[in-house]
N, C-alpha and C. Protein backbone atom coordinates (compact mmCIF):
# COMPACT_ATOMS: atom_id res chain seq x y z
N MET A 1 118.91 106.49 99.09
CA MET A 1 118.57 107.78 99.19
C MET A 1 116.92 107.88 99.00
N ALA A 2 116.33 108.49 99.99
CA ALA A 2 114.92 108.54 99.76
C ALA A 2 114.57 109.88 98.96
N ASN A 3 113.57 109.69 98.10
CA ASN A 3 112.94 110.76 97.26
C ASN A 3 111.60 111.19 97.65
N ALA A 4 111.44 112.48 97.66
CA ALA A 4 109.99 113.01 97.96
C ALA A 4 109.15 112.79 96.76
N LEU A 5 107.99 112.13 96.79
CA LEU A 5 107.19 112.00 95.60
C LEU A 5 106.03 112.89 95.63
N GLY A 6 105.85 113.66 96.84
CA GLY A 6 104.74 114.53 96.89
C GLY A 6 104.52 114.76 98.55
N TYR A 7 103.46 115.57 98.83
CA TYR A 7 103.13 115.99 100.17
C TYR A 7 101.65 115.83 100.33
N VAL A 8 101.19 115.40 101.44
CA VAL A 8 99.78 115.26 101.83
C VAL A 8 99.40 115.93 103.11
N THR A 9 98.31 116.25 103.37
CA THR A 9 97.94 116.74 104.73
C THR A 9 96.73 115.80 105.31
N GLU A 10 96.82 115.67 106.56
CA GLU A 10 95.76 114.86 107.21
C GLU A 10 94.41 115.37 107.13
N THR A 11 93.36 114.62 106.88
CA THR A 11 91.96 115.11 106.77
C THR A 11 91.17 113.99 107.66
N LYS A 12 89.90 114.24 107.84
CA LYS A 12 89.09 113.26 108.80
C LYS A 12 89.11 111.95 108.03
N ALA A 13 89.13 111.92 106.72
CA ALA A 13 88.96 110.68 106.02
C ALA A 13 90.31 110.01 105.61
N GLY A 14 91.46 110.63 105.89
CA GLY A 14 92.70 110.13 105.55
C GLY A 14 93.73 111.24 105.31
N PHE A 15 94.07 111.45 104.00
CA PHE A 15 95.17 112.38 103.62
C PHE A 15 94.73 112.96 102.20
N GLU A 16 94.99 114.24 101.89
CA GLU A 16 94.95 114.75 100.55
C GLU A 16 96.15 115.65 100.30
N GLY A 17 96.54 115.50 99.00
CA GLY A 17 97.67 116.40 98.55
C GLY A 17 98.03 116.14 97.14
N THR A 18 99.28 116.23 96.91
CA THR A 18 99.77 116.21 95.33
C THR A 18 100.72 115.12 95.28
N LEU A 19 100.81 114.33 94.28
CA LEU A 19 101.75 113.43 93.81
C LEU A 19 102.60 114.17 92.71
N ALA A 20 103.84 114.49 92.81
CA ALA A 20 104.55 115.32 91.90
C ALA A 20 105.89 114.63 91.56
N MET A 21 105.88 114.03 90.38
CA MET A 21 107.08 113.30 89.94
C MET A 21 107.43 114.07 88.67
N MET A 22 108.57 113.61 87.96
CA MET A 22 109.22 114.40 86.78
C MET A 22 108.04 114.43 85.68
N ASN A 23 107.37 113.39 85.33
CA ASN A 23 106.43 113.20 84.31
C ASN A 23 105.02 113.26 84.74
N LEU A 24 104.74 113.42 85.94
CA LEU A 24 103.31 113.40 86.50
C LEU A 24 103.07 114.19 87.69
N SER A 25 102.01 114.96 87.67
CA SER A 25 101.64 115.87 88.75
C SER A 25 100.09 115.74 88.77
N ALA A 26 99.65 115.21 89.96
CA ALA A 26 98.30 114.91 90.15
C ALA A 26 97.91 115.05 91.63
N SER A 27 96.63 115.50 91.75
CA SER A 27 96.05 115.62 93.08
C SER A 27 95.72 114.12 93.56
N ILE A 28 96.06 113.92 94.91
CA ILE A 28 95.68 112.55 95.36
C ILE A 28 94.84 112.59 96.69
N ARG A 29 94.10 111.59 97.00
CA ARG A 29 93.42 111.26 98.08
C ARG A 29 93.71 109.98 98.61
N ILE A 30 94.18 109.81 99.91
CA ILE A 30 94.35 108.58 100.61
C ILE A 30 93.25 108.38 101.62
N GLU A 31 92.33 107.46 101.32
CA GLU A 31 91.19 107.37 102.32
C GLU A 31 91.23 105.93 102.86
N LYS A 32 90.66 106.06 104.23
CA LYS A 32 90.57 104.76 104.96
C LYS A 32 89.59 103.85 104.19
N ASN A 33 90.01 102.65 104.16
CA ASN A 33 89.24 101.56 103.50
C ASN A 33 88.11 101.02 104.28
N ALA A 34 86.89 101.65 104.17
CA ALA A 34 85.83 101.24 105.02
C ALA A 34 85.31 99.79 104.72
N GLU A 35 85.71 99.35 103.62
CA GLU A 35 85.18 97.98 103.17
C GLU A 35 86.29 96.88 103.54
N LYS A 36 87.38 97.19 104.14
CA LYS A 36 88.31 96.10 104.57
C LYS A 36 87.77 95.10 105.15
N ALA A 37 87.93 93.72 104.64
CA ALA A 37 87.34 92.49 105.24
C ALA A 37 88.33 91.50 105.70
N GLY A 38 89.65 91.87 105.29
CA GLY A 38 90.72 90.77 105.63
C GLY A 38 92.19 91.45 105.69
N ASP A 39 93.09 90.80 106.29
CA ASP A 39 94.45 91.21 106.31
C ASP A 39 95.12 91.61 104.92
N GLY A 40 94.83 90.85 103.83
CA GLY A 40 95.41 91.12 102.50
C GLY A 40 94.97 92.34 102.02
N GLN A 41 93.84 93.03 102.34
CA GLN A 41 93.28 94.14 101.77
C GLN A 41 93.95 95.42 102.50
N PRO A 42 94.03 96.47 101.65
CA PRO A 42 94.71 97.71 102.17
C PRO A 42 93.94 98.40 103.32
N ASP A 43 94.51 99.00 104.26
CA ASP A 43 93.89 99.73 105.24
C ASP A 43 93.42 101.15 104.59
N TYR A 44 94.08 101.60 103.53
CA TYR A 44 93.72 102.72 102.88
C TYR A 44 93.79 102.50 101.40
N ARG A 45 92.91 103.28 100.61
CA ARG A 45 92.85 103.33 99.14
C ARG A 45 93.37 104.50 98.66
N ILE A 46 94.10 104.67 97.41
CA ILE A 46 94.59 105.86 97.07
C ILE A 46 93.98 106.25 95.63
N PHE A 47 93.47 107.42 95.51
CA PHE A 47 92.76 107.85 94.37
C PHE A 47 93.54 109.13 93.81
N ALA A 48 93.46 109.27 92.42
CA ALA A 48 94.26 110.36 91.75
C ALA A 48 93.44 111.13 90.86
N GLY A 49 93.77 112.37 90.63
CA GLY A 49 93.07 113.18 89.63
C GLY A 49 91.65 113.53 89.73
N GLU A 50 91.06 114.31 88.77
CA GLU A 50 89.68 114.68 88.93
C GLU A 50 88.77 113.45 88.77
N THR A 51 89.09 112.54 88.10
CA THR A 51 88.36 111.35 87.90
C THR A 51 88.36 110.26 89.14
N SER A 52 89.26 110.62 90.00
CA SER A 52 89.39 109.83 91.32
C SER A 52 89.79 108.25 90.94
N THR A 53 90.67 108.14 89.99
CA THR A 53 91.03 106.87 89.48
C THR A 53 91.96 106.26 90.65
N GLU A 54 91.58 104.97 91.02
CA GLU A 54 92.32 104.24 92.03
C GLU A 54 93.66 103.86 91.44
N ILE A 55 94.68 104.36 92.28
CA ILE A 55 96.08 104.03 91.83
C ILE A 55 96.94 103.28 92.90
N GLY A 56 96.28 102.77 93.85
CA GLY A 56 97.09 102.09 94.98
C GLY A 56 96.50 101.96 96.28
N GLY A 57 97.24 101.44 97.23
CA GLY A 57 96.69 101.10 98.51
C GLY A 57 97.78 101.29 99.60
N GLY A 58 97.30 101.38 100.77
CA GLY A 58 98.27 101.64 101.90
C GLY A 58 98.04 100.72 103.10
N TRP A 59 99.08 100.21 103.60
CA TRP A 59 98.90 99.28 104.88
C TRP A 59 99.59 99.87 106.05
N MET A 60 99.05 99.89 107.24
CA MET A 60 99.67 100.25 108.48
C MET A 60 100.71 99.28 108.88
N ARG A 61 101.90 99.85 109.23
CA ARG A 61 102.84 98.95 109.52
C ARG A 61 103.64 99.51 110.81
N LYS A 62 104.42 98.70 111.57
CA LYS A 62 105.04 99.16 112.71
C LYS A 62 106.50 99.13 112.47
N ALA A 63 107.27 100.21 112.76
CA ALA A 63 108.77 100.24 112.51
C ALA A 63 109.41 99.42 113.47
N LYS A 64 110.40 98.68 113.02
CA LYS A 64 111.08 97.66 113.98
C LYS A 64 111.89 98.43 114.84
N GLN A 65 112.60 99.46 114.58
CA GLN A 65 113.50 100.02 115.60
C GLN A 65 112.73 100.98 116.51
N SER A 66 111.90 101.89 116.16
CA SER A 66 111.20 102.76 116.84
C SER A 66 110.02 102.45 117.38
N GLY A 67 109.28 101.42 116.85
CA GLY A 67 107.95 100.86 117.33
C GLY A 67 106.84 101.76 116.92
N ARG A 68 107.11 102.85 115.98
CA ARG A 68 106.05 103.69 115.55
C ARG A 68 105.29 103.18 114.44
N ASP A 69 104.03 103.46 114.36
CA ASP A 69 103.12 103.07 113.18
C ASP A 69 103.42 104.07 112.08
N TYR A 70 103.36 103.51 110.90
CA TYR A 70 103.49 104.36 109.73
C TYR A 70 102.75 103.74 108.58
N LEU A 71 102.42 104.49 107.60
CA LEU A 71 101.63 104.07 106.45
C LEU A 71 102.66 103.60 105.19
N SER A 72 102.52 102.39 104.77
CA SER A 72 103.39 101.95 103.57
C SER A 72 102.43 101.88 102.51
N ILE A 73 102.81 102.56 101.40
CA ILE A 73 101.92 102.56 100.18
C ILE A 73 102.51 101.99 99.00
N THR A 74 101.58 101.64 98.10
CA THR A 74 101.97 100.98 96.79
C THR A 74 101.22 101.78 95.84
N LEU A 75 101.90 102.19 94.72
CA LEU A 75 101.27 102.92 93.61
C LEU A 75 101.50 102.30 92.44
N ALA A 76 100.42 102.17 91.55
CA ALA A 76 100.48 101.53 90.22
C ALA A 76 99.59 102.22 89.18
N ASP A 77 100.04 102.69 88.10
CA ASP A 77 99.30 103.11 87.07
C ASP A 77 100.12 103.35 85.92
N PRO A 78 99.53 103.24 84.67
CA PRO A 78 100.37 103.26 83.41
C PRO A 78 101.11 104.74 83.44
N GLN A 79 100.42 105.64 83.81
CA GLN A 79 101.22 107.08 83.81
C GLN A 79 102.43 107.16 84.65
N ILE A 80 102.53 106.25 85.75
CA ILE A 80 103.64 106.11 86.60
C ILE A 80 104.80 105.44 86.00
N GLY A 81 104.35 104.47 85.13
CA GLY A 81 105.41 103.61 84.59
C GLY A 81 105.02 102.03 84.77
N PRO A 82 106.08 101.18 84.23
CA PRO A 82 105.68 99.81 84.15
C PRO A 82 105.74 99.13 85.55
N ARG A 83 106.43 99.83 86.36
CA ARG A 83 106.74 99.07 87.69
C ARG A 83 105.96 99.74 88.83
N LYS A 84 105.58 99.01 89.84
CA LYS A 84 105.03 99.62 91.06
C LYS A 84 105.95 100.48 91.88
N ILE A 85 105.50 101.49 92.44
CA ILE A 85 106.37 102.28 93.27
C ILE A 85 105.93 101.92 94.84
N PHE A 86 106.84 101.63 95.60
CA PHE A 86 106.64 101.33 97.00
C PHE A 86 107.17 102.56 97.76
N ALA A 87 106.47 103.15 98.62
CA ALA A 87 106.86 104.38 99.40
C ALA A 87 106.10 104.31 100.75
N ASN A 88 106.68 105.31 101.58
CA ASN A 88 106.06 105.45 102.98
C ASN A 88 105.67 106.96 103.23
N LEU A 89 104.66 107.06 104.14
CA LEU A 89 104.34 108.46 104.55
C LEU A 89 105.09 108.78 105.76
N ALA A 90 105.83 109.89 105.83
CA ALA A 90 106.52 110.42 107.02
C ALA A 90 106.06 111.70 107.36
N PRO A 91 105.98 112.03 108.76
CA PRO A 91 105.61 113.26 109.08
C PRO A 91 106.70 114.33 108.72
N VAL A 92 106.22 115.49 108.39
CA VAL A 92 107.12 116.72 108.14
C VAL A 92 107.47 117.34 109.47
N LYS A 93 108.70 117.41 109.87
CA LYS A 93 109.09 117.98 111.11
C LYS A 93 108.55 119.43 111.16
N GLY A 94 108.03 119.81 112.25
CA GLY A 94 107.49 121.25 112.45
C GLY A 94 106.17 121.67 111.84
N LYS A 95 105.49 120.69 111.02
CA LYS A 95 104.34 120.83 110.33
C LYS A 95 103.27 119.82 110.69
N LYS A 96 102.49 120.18 111.74
CA LYS A 96 101.64 119.19 112.29
C LYS A 96 100.56 118.74 111.22
N GLY A 97 100.28 117.52 111.04
CA GLY A 97 99.39 117.02 110.07
C GLY A 97 99.89 117.01 108.58
N ARG A 98 101.13 117.45 108.37
CA ARG A 98 101.72 117.27 107.07
C ARG A 98 102.57 116.13 106.94
N HIS A 99 102.54 115.41 105.86
CA HIS A 99 103.46 114.31 105.47
C HIS A 99 103.97 114.20 104.16
N VAL A 100 105.18 113.65 104.10
CA VAL A 100 105.82 113.66 102.89
C VAL A 100 105.63 112.15 102.27
N ILE A 101 105.61 111.96 100.98
CA ILE A 101 105.64 110.66 100.44
C ILE A 101 107.05 110.26 100.05
N LEU A 102 107.70 109.35 100.79
CA LEU A 102 109.13 109.03 100.49
C LEU A 102 109.23 107.66 99.73
N TRP A 103 109.88 107.72 98.60
CA TRP A 103 110.17 106.67 97.83
C TRP A 103 111.64 106.23 98.03
N ASN A 104 111.91 104.99 98.37
CA ASN A 104 113.20 104.41 98.53
C ASN A 104 113.38 103.26 97.48
N PRO A 105 114.09 103.82 96.37
CA PRO A 105 114.41 102.80 95.34
C PRO A 105 115.08 101.54 95.87
N ARG A 106 114.56 100.40 95.39
CA ARG A 106 115.25 99.21 95.81
C ARG A 106 116.45 98.82 94.87
N ASP A 107 116.57 99.42 93.69
CA ASP A 107 117.72 99.00 92.90
C ASP A 107 118.45 100.37 92.28
């Protein structure tokens, strides 16, 4: 079952919105990585809060069944917990430019 961790809206630089979990609520920015120099580096960098702390990265992927491009993100920060969170951005139906951060727990 997928869980919504927050919502973001498209901007010229990427996305902006809120990460909202049970023990954490923070504004986030997902920005294109202008310094990307190789495949191992993220296509996007994720920043949180007023201090713009970097908490993750995002990689463009292609869905196997539909062939659509999507953004796969990884979040890691002590406030989130001891494990990384793997999630995807999915468009919100009927809301152009709006996306939900969906977490699919692996265990």
